[in-house]
Structure formats: structure tokens, C-alpha cells
Amino acid sequence: MIYLASDHAGFKLKEEIKQLLESLKEEFLDMGTNSEEAVDYPDFIFPAVEKAIAEGTRAIVFGGTGMGECVAANKVKGAIAATPFDEFTTVMSREHNDSNVLCLGGRSLTVENAKSIVELWLGTPFSEEERHVRRLEKITKYESSE
């Protein structure tokens, strides 16, 4: 299961990616928003990412650039959100960082580029290399001293 969420700026791209996921026979659940009416992205991103993390699956979230959504997603314990923009950054987000949340920008990516990123992200496994496992363990164990 892949959980999807967007704000108003990412709504159209989310609709395009839903068609791609259907063609790939990927199971997904769209957790909103459902129009281009202005909304606050955390209201949709947090529930989708929390659900994906709780179920040990992945989420794809959409905004204008994907950056705010990425910041929000990374506030969810267990989320490793990435905002790749090309083939190299997409592969690295999976092979080296084991990202489980993909953040995409409806105003910063073409539909074709976004589709390519989604397919590559879904098909790229985590490398399991010791150095990457070690680094991710340090990140997941870190707690701020505030």
C-alpha cells in the first residue's frame, strides 16, 4: 500500500501519479486533498505519512515544490523523506538513504519527470551496505537535546 497526500499545489500532479500507479498495478490510498482549493499541507501530509510508517509501507506526497512536505514528513518518527529531482538523486534516496516517503513538486517537476522519479523510486531497493545501515541507525536514534 502506498499512501498519497497533497496540498492544493500538488493536487494535479497527484492525480497524474494515481494513473501511473494504477497502470503499474500498485495499491494506493489517496488521503487528500481533493481539489485545488487552498489548504495547509501538514493537515494532509502528517496523516498519510503516519499511516505509512505505522504499516511499514511508503508514502508519496505532493506540494508546489515538495520541500515543505518533506520537512513535515521528516517530523514523523520513522519517516525518511526525500525530495529527489532527477535519476541520480532518486536512486541515492533509496540505495543510500532507504527513503520511505517521496516528496514531489507539482510546480517544479514536469509530469513526465515525476512519473520517471516515481517508477525509479518504487523499483530501487535499499543497498543494505553496512555504511548506509550505520548512518541510518545514527539518524533514527538521534534525539535533540532541547
C-alpha atoms as a PDB file:
ATOM      1  CA  MET A   1       0.000   0.000   0.000  1.00  0.00           C
ATOM      2  CA  ILE A   2       1.239   3.454  -0.916  1.00  0.00           C
ATOM      3  CA  TYR A   3      -0.342   6.399   0.871  1.00  0.00           C
ATOM      4  CA  LEU A   4      -0.767   9.588  -1.147  1.00  0.00           C
ATOM      5  CA  ALA A   5      -1.384  13.122   0.077  1.00  0.00           C
ATOM      6  CA  SER A   6      -1.096  16.615  -1.336  1.00  0.00           C
ATOM      7  CA  ASP A   7      -1.899  20.215  -0.846  1.00  0.00           C
ATOM      8  CA  HIS A   8      -3.644  22.322  -3.491  1.00  0.00           C
ATOM      9  CA  ALA A   9      -0.411  22.977  -5.416  1.00  0.00           C
ATOM     10  CA  GLY A  10       0.355  19.279  -5.709  1.00  0.00           C
ATOM     11  CA  PHE A  11      -3.190  18.116  -6.443  1.00  0.00           C
ATOM     12  CA  LYS A  12      -2.893  17.900 -10.249  1.00  0.00           C
ATOM     13  CA  LEU A  13       0.407  16.006 -10.104  1.00  0.00           C
ATOM     14  CA  LYS A  14      -1.053  13.610  -7.531  1.00  0.00           C
ATOM     15  CA  GLU A  15      -3.903  12.855  -9.940  1.00  0.00           C
ATOM     16  CA  GLU A  16      -1.378  12.076 -12.711  1.00  0.00           C
ATOM     17  CA  ILE A  17       0.646   9.810 -10.429  1.00  0.00           C
ATOM     18  CA  LYS A  18      -2.505   7.956  -9.385  1.00  0.00           C
ATOM     19  CA  GLN A  19      -2.996   7.000 -13.039  1.00  0.00           C
ATOM     20  CA  LEU A  20       0.602   5.803 -13.203  1.00  0.00           C
ATOM     21  CA  LEU A  21       0.194   3.722 -10.045  1.00  0.00           C
ATOM     22  CA  GLU A  22      -2.969   2.162 -11.448  1.00  0.00           C
ATOM     23  CA  SER A  23      -1.115   1.220 -14.650  1.00  0.00           C
ATOM     24  CA  LEU A  24       1.679  -0.316 -12.536  1.00  0.00           C
ATOM     25  CA  LYS A  25      -0.940  -2.198 -10.514  1.00  0.00           C
ATOM     26  CA  GLU A  26       0.306  -0.581  -7.294  1.00  0.00           C
ATOM     27  CA  GLU A  27      -2.200  -0.426  -4.463  1.00  0.00           C
ATOM     28  CA  PHE A  28      -2.630   3.092  -3.080  1.00  0.00           C
ATOM     29  CA  LEU A  29      -4.898   5.184  -0.906  1.00  0.00           C
ATOM     30  CA  ASP A  30      -5.412   8.882  -1.613  1.00  0.00           C
ATOM     31  CA  MET A  31      -5.717  10.716   1.703  1.00  0.00           C
ATOM     32  CA  GLY A  32      -6.459  14.124   0.152  1.00  0.00           C
ATOM     33  CA  THR A  33      -6.690  16.945  -0.606  1.00  0.00           C
ATOM     34  CA  ASN A  34      -9.297  16.515  -3.276  1.00  0.00           C
ATOM     35  CA  SER A  35      -9.180  19.829  -5.125  1.00  0.00           C
ATOM     36  CA  GLU A  36      -7.070  22.867  -5.917  1.00  0.00           C
ATOM     37  CA  GLU A  37      -8.735  24.851  -3.133  1.00  0.00           C
ATOM     38  CA  ALA A  38      -6.056  26.257  -0.811  1.00  0.00           C
ATOM     39  CA  VAL A  39      -5.261  24.077   2.213  1.00  0.00           C
ATOM     40  CA  ASP A  40      -2.440  23.683   4.719  1.00  0.00           C
ATOM     41  CA  TYR A  41      -0.255  20.782   3.614  1.00  0.00           C
ATOM     42  CA  PRO A  42       0.574  19.464   7.130  1.00  0.00           C
ATOM     43  CA  ASP A  43      -3.115  18.606   7.582  1.00  0.00           C
ATOM     44  CA  PHE A  44      -2.803  16.009   4.812  1.00  0.00           C
ATOM     45  CA  ILE A  45       0.868  15.046   4.918  1.00  0.00           C
ATOM     46  CA  PHE A  46       1.016  14.041   8.588  1.00  0.00           C
ATOM     47  CA  PRO A  47      -1.874  11.514   8.465  1.00  0.00           C
ATOM     48  CA  ALA A  48      -0.620   9.875   5.258  1.00  0.00           C
ATOM     49  CA  VAL A  49       2.969   9.570   6.459  1.00  0.00           C
ATOM     50  CA  GLU A  50       1.909   8.369   9.916  1.00  0.00           C
ATOM     51  CA  LYS A  51      -0.247   5.666   8.320  1.00  0.00           C
ATOM     52  CA  ALA A  52       2.562   4.546   6.010  1.00  0.00           C
ATOM     53  CA  ILE A  53       5.093   4.372   8.846  1.00  0.00           C
ATOM     54  CA  ALA A  54       2.673   2.523  11.140  1.00  0.00           C
ATOM     55  CA  GLU A  55       2.101  -0.081   8.429  1.00  0.00           C
ATOM     56  CA  GLY A  56       5.746  -0.329   7.336  1.00  0.00           C
ATOM     57  CA  THR A  57       4.970   0.838   3.835  1.00  0.00           C
ATOM     58  CA  ARG A  58       5.593   4.019   1.850  1.00  0.00           C
ATOM     59  CA  ALA A  59       4.010   7.359   1.066  1.00  0.00           C
ATOM     60  CA  ILE A  60       4.203   9.762  -1.841  1.00  0.00           C
ATOM     61  CA  VAL A  61       3.312  13.355  -1.027  1.00  0.00           C
ATOM     62  CA  PHE A  62       2.899  16.371  -3.278  1.00  0.00           C
ATOM     63  CA  GLY A  63       3.105  20.137  -2.978  1.00  0.00           C
ATOM     64  CA  GLY A  64       4.327  23.084  -5.004  1.00  0.00           C
ATOM     65  CA  THR A  65       7.984  22.090  -4.618  1.00  0.00           C
ATOM     66  CA  GLY A  66       7.691  19.103  -2.290  1.00  0.00           C
ATOM     67  CA  MET A  67      10.092  20.766   0.119  1.00  0.00           C
ATOM     68  CA  GLY A  68       7.610  21.828   2.794  1.00  0.00           C
ATOM     69  CA  GLU A  69       6.015  18.417   2.567  1.00  0.00           C
ATOM     70  CA  CYS A  70       9.451  16.849   3.036  1.00  0.00           C
ATOM     71  CA  VAL A  71      10.127  18.939   6.133  1.00  0.00           C
ATOM     72  CA  ALA A  72       6.736  17.944   7.563  1.00  0.00           C
ATOM     73  CA  ALA A  73       7.126  14.262   6.682  1.00  0.00           C
ATOM     74  CA  ASN A  74      10.509  14.087   8.378  1.00  0.00           C
ATOM     75  CA  LYS A  75       8.882  15.205  11.643  1.00  0.00           C
ATOM     76  CA  VAL A  76       7.092  11.830  11.756  1.00  0.00           C
ATOM     77  CA  LYS A  77       9.161   9.325  13.729  1.00  0.00           C
ATOM     78  CA  GLY A  78      10.393   6.628  11.361  1.00  0.00           C
ATOM     79  CA  ALA A  79       9.944   8.675   8.213  1.00  0.00           C
ATOM     80  CA  ILE A  80      12.858   9.151   5.865  1.00  0.00           C
ATOM     81  CA  ALA A  81      11.511  11.637   3.361  1.00  0.00           C
ATOM     82  CA  ALA A  82      13.354  12.763   0.249  1.00  0.00           C
ATOM     83  CA  THR A  83      12.753  15.304  -2.498  1.00  0.00           C
ATOM     84  CA  PRO A  84      14.674  13.929  -5.474  1.00  0.00           C
ATOM     85  CA  PHE A  85      14.616  15.832  -8.743  1.00  0.00           C
ATOM     86  CA  ASP A  86      16.403  13.531 -11.198  1.00  0.00           C
ATOM     87  CA  GLU A  87      17.513   9.932 -11.730  1.00  0.00           C
ATOM     88  CA  PHE A  88      20.674  10.195  -9.613  1.00  0.00           C
ATOM     89  CA  THR A  89      19.020  11.788  -6.577  1.00  0.00           C
ATOM     90  CA  THR A  90      16.132   9.329  -6.787  1.00  0.00           C
ATOM     91  CA  VAL A  91      18.409   6.289  -6.801  1.00  0.00           C
ATOM     92  CA  MET A  92      20.515   7.704  -3.963  1.00  0.00           C
ATOM     93  CA  SER A  93      17.401   8.424  -1.898  1.00  0.00           C
ATOM     94  CA  ARG A  94      16.617   4.707  -1.975  1.00  0.00           C
ATOM     95  CA  GLU A  95      20.011   2.955  -2.227  1.00  0.00           C
ATOM     96  CA  HIS A  96      21.799   5.076   0.385  1.00  0.00           C
ATOM     97  CA  ASN A  97      19.011   6.603   2.475  1.00  0.00           C
ATOM     98  CA  ASP A  98      16.252   3.969   2.330  1.00  0.00           C
ATOM     99  CA  SER A  99      13.661   6.731   1.899  1.00  0.00           C
ATOM    100  CA  ASN A 100      10.104   5.666   2.631  1.00  0.00           C
ATOM    101  CA  VAL A 101       8.445   8.962   1.747  1.00  0.00           C
ATOM    102  CA  LEU A 102       8.770  10.510  -1.695  1.00  0.00           C
ATOM    103  CA  CYS A 103       8.062  14.242  -1.908  1.00  0.00           C
ATOM    104  CA  LEU A 104       7.294  15.762  -5.295  1.00  0.00           C
ATOM    105  CA  GLY A 105       6.596  19.275  -6.531  1.00  0.00           C
ATOM    106  CA  GLY A 106       3.732  19.961  -8.875  1.00  0.00           C
ATOM    107  CA  ARG A 107       5.200  23.358  -9.730  1.00  0.00           C
ATOM    108  CA  SER A 108       8.820  22.226 -10.018  1.00  0.00           C
ATOM    109  CA  LEU A 109       8.626  18.955 -11.971  1.00  0.00           C
ATOM    110  CA  THR A 110       7.096  18.038 -15.281  1.00  0.00           C
ATOM    111  CA  VAL A 111       4.587  15.210 -15.201  1.00  0.00           C
ATOM    112  CA  GLU A 112       6.989  13.075 -17.246  1.00  0.00           C
ATOM    113  CA  ASN A 113       9.874  13.745 -14.867  1.00  0.00           C
ATOM    114  CA  ALA A 114       7.695  12.998 -11.833  1.00  0.00           C
ATOM    115  CA  LYS A 115       6.471   9.730 -13.345  1.00  0.00           C
ATOM    116  CA  SER A 116      10.040   8.685 -14.066  1.00  0.00           C
ATOM    117  CA  ILE A 117      11.050   9.509 -10.489  1.00  0.00           C
ATOM    118  CA  VAL A 118       8.136   7.528  -9.043  1.00  0.00           C
ATOM    119  CA  GLU A 119       8.878   4.441 -11.131  1.00  0.00           C
ATOM    120  CA  LEU A 120      12.567   4.564 -10.289  1.00  0.00           C
ATOM    121  CA  TRP A 121      11.891   5.179  -6.585  1.00  0.00           C
ATOM    122  CA  LEU A 122       9.470   2.272  -6.392  1.00  0.00           C
ATOM    123  CA  GLY A 123      11.872  -0.053  -8.186  1.00  0.00           C
ATOM    124  CA  THR A 124      15.103   0.827  -6.389  1.00  0.00           C
ATOM    125  CA  PRO A 125      15.935  -1.208  -3.271  1.00  0.00           C
ATOM    126  CA  PHE A 126      17.978  -0.090  -0.278  1.00  0.00           C
ATOM    127  CA  SER A 127      21.571  -1.255  -0.733  1.00  0.00           C
ATOM    128  CA  GLU A 128      21.880  -2.720   2.784  1.00  0.00           C
ATOM    129  CA  GLU A 129      25.559  -1.715   2.713  1.00  0.00           C
ATOM    130  CA  GLU A 130      27.000  -1.543   6.234  1.00  0.00           C
ATOM    131  CA  ARG A 131      27.988   2.120   5.960  1.00  0.00           C
ATOM    132  CA  HIS A 132      24.467   3.150   4.983  1.00  0.00           C
ATOM    133  CA  VAL A 133      22.871   0.987   7.659  1.00  0.00           C
ATOM    134  CA  ARG A 134      25.229   2.500  10.250  1.00  0.00           C
ATOM    135  CA  ARG A 135      24.428   6.058   9.176  1.00  0.00           C
ATOM    136  CA  LEU A 136      20.689   5.470   9.177  1.00  0.00           C
ATOM    137  CA  GLU A 137      20.891   3.957  12.655  1.00  0.00           C
ATOM    138  CA  LYS A 138      22.606   7.120  13.872  1.00  0.00           C
ATOM    139  CA  ILE A 139      19.864   9.242  12.331  1.00  0.00           C
ATOM    140  CA  THR A 140      16.976   7.180  13.688  1.00  0.00           C
ATOM    141  CA  LYS A 141      18.482   7.041  17.193  1.00  0.00           C
ATOM    142  CA  TYR A 142      19.221  10.770  17.359  1.00  0.00           C
ATOM    143  CA  GLU A 143      17.183  12.841  19.773  1.00  0.00           C
ATOM    144  CA  SER A 144      17.603  16.574  20.081  1.00  0.00           C
ATOM    145  CA  SER A 145      18.976  17.870  23.369  1.00  0.00           C
ATOM    146  CA  GLU A 146      16.314  20.580  23.684  1.00  0.00           C
END
